[in-house]
Amino acid sequence: MKDTECVRFLQWALPQLNLRWAGFRKLRKQTCKRIQRRLIELQLSDIDAYKSYLNTYPEESIILERYCRITISRFYRDRQIFKHLHQELLPQLIQLAQERGDK
């Protein structure tokens, strides 16, 4: 599936799922890969066949919505968290471990 086909499909499908396109601009490649895998699972030839499938089997929209929901963890990207861990929490944990080991 070409990127332009996937973008058109997402712009069509997301409003029907009560999701906003703006949130998918950065995540569309991952979403498109998931949809492509679903096409293969269903043995569908292209995205238009998937649209027809969605119209025929409305329960498929539940699966599509799950594929469109991508969790982004900001924890590992937040330098302040690691700075706090390094400067505050880890030294306290080490001190507690040493105190318990001395007893």
Protein backbone atom coordinates (compact mmCIF):
# COMPACT_ATOMS: atom_id res chain seq x y z
CA MET A 1 0.00 0.00 0.00
CA LYS A 2 1.37 3.38 -0.96
CA ASP A 3 1.66 6.11 1.62
CA THR A 4 -0.78 8.35 -0.27
CA GLU A 5 -3.37 5.56 -0.32
CA CYS A 6 -3.00 5.04 3.40
CA VAL A 7 -3.26 8.77 4.11
CA ARG A 8 -6.47 8.99 2.08
CA PHE A 9 -7.83 5.96 3.88
CA LEU A 10 -6.99 7.35 7.32
CA GLN A 11 -8.53 10.70 6.44
CA TRP A 12 -11.69 8.79 5.49
CA ALA A 13 -11.70 6.29 8.38
CA LEU A 14 -10.56 8.31 11.39
CA PRO A 15 -13.56 10.65 11.59
CA GLN A 16 -15.82 7.58 11.51
CA LEU A 17 -13.91 6.24 14.52
CA ASN A 18 -14.15 9.62 16.29
CA LEU A 19 -10.39 10.07 15.98
CA ARG A 20 -8.65 13.18 14.68
CA TRP A 21 -6.32 13.17 11.68
CA ALA A 22 -4.03 15.76 13.27
CA GLY A 23 -2.85 13.20 15.80
CA PHE A 24 -1.91 10.69 13.14
CA ARG A 25 0.41 12.73 10.98
CA LYS A 26 3.48 11.65 12.94
CA LEU A 27 2.22 8.11 13.57
CA ARG A 28 0.78 7.26 10.20
CA LYS A 29 3.62 4.99 9.10
CA GLN A 30 3.16 2.71 12.10
CA THR A 31 -0.61 2.79 11.65
CA CYS A 32 -0.29 2.04 7.94
CA LYS A 33 1.95 -0.95 8.67
CA ARG A 34 -0.68 -2.32 11.03
CA ILE A 35 -3.42 -1.82 8.44
CA GLN A 36 -1.27 -3.46 5.77
CA ARG A 37 -0.84 -6.51 8.01
CA ARG A 38 -4.60 -6.60 8.50
CA LEU A 39 -5.13 -6.57 4.72
CA ILE A 40 -2.83 -9.57 4.46
CA GLU A 41 -4.65 -11.38 7.30
CA LEU A 42 -7.97 -10.84 5.56
CA GLN A 43 -6.47 -11.69 2.17
CA LEU A 44 -7.67 -8.40 0.71
CA SER A 45 -6.02 -7.02 -2.39
CA ASP A 46 -5.98 -3.32 -1.56
CA ILE A 47 -7.30 -0.54 0.64
CA ASP A 48 -10.48 -0.17 -1.43
CA ALA A 49 -11.27 -3.82 -0.75
CA TYR A 50 -10.76 -3.09 2.95
CA LYS A 51 -13.19 -0.17 2.75
CA SER A 52 -15.76 -2.50 1.24
CA TYR A 53 -15.01 -5.04 3.95
CA LEU A 54 -15.58 -2.38 6.63
CA ASN A 55 -18.92 -1.50 5.06
CA THR A 56 -19.94 -5.16 4.91
CA TYR A 57 -18.69 -6.08 8.38
CA PRO A 58 -19.21 -3.12 10.75
CA GLU A 59 -17.61 -5.03 13.64
CA GLU A 60 -14.29 -4.71 11.79
CA SER A 61 -14.26 -1.04 12.78
CA ILE A 62 -13.50 -2.16 16.35
CA ILE A 63 -10.36 -3.91 15.12
CA LEU A 64 -9.41 -0.95 12.95
CA GLU A 65 -9.78 1.40 15.91
CA ARG A 66 -7.42 -0.78 17.97
CA TYR A 67 -4.88 -0.69 15.15
CA CYS A 68 -5.15 3.09 15.02
CA ARG A 69 -4.53 3.59 18.72
CA ILE A 70 -0.80 3.86 19.25
CA THR A 71 0.53 4.46 22.72
CA ILE A 72 3.44 6.82 23.01
CA SER A 73 5.54 6.65 26.14
CA ARG A 74 7.19 9.92 26.96
CA PHE A 75 8.82 8.49 30.10
CA TYR A 76 12.00 7.36 28.34
CA ARG A 77 12.29 10.65 26.48
CA ASP A 78 12.04 12.90 29.52
CA ARG A 79 15.51 13.97 30.64
CA GLN A 80 14.17 15.55 33.82
CA ILE A 81 12.91 12.17 35.01
CA PHE A 82 16.32 10.58 34.55
CA LYS A 83 18.06 13.54 36.13
CA HIS A 84 15.80 13.18 39.19
CA LEU A 85 16.41 9.42 39.30
CA HIS A 86 20.18 9.92 39.08
CA GLN A 87 20.50 12.76 41.56
CA GLU A 88 17.77 11.99 44.10
CA LEU A 89 16.20 8.56 44.04
CA LEU A 90 19.10 6.27 43.20
CA PRO A 91 21.40 7.69 45.90
CA GLN A 92 18.60 7.24 48.45
CA LEU A 93 18.01 3.64 47.32
CA ILE A 94 21.72 2.88 47.50
CA GLN A 95 21.91 4.36 50.99
CA LEU A 96 18.90 2.31 52.15
CA ALA A 97 20.39 -0.85 50.68
CA GLN A 98 23.70 -0.20 52.42
CA GLU A 99 21.98 0.46 55.75
CA ARG A 100 20.03 -2.77 55.50
CA GLY A 101 23.12 -4.68 54.51
CA ASP A 102 25.03 -3.37 57.55
CA LYS A 103 22.46 -4.66 60.04
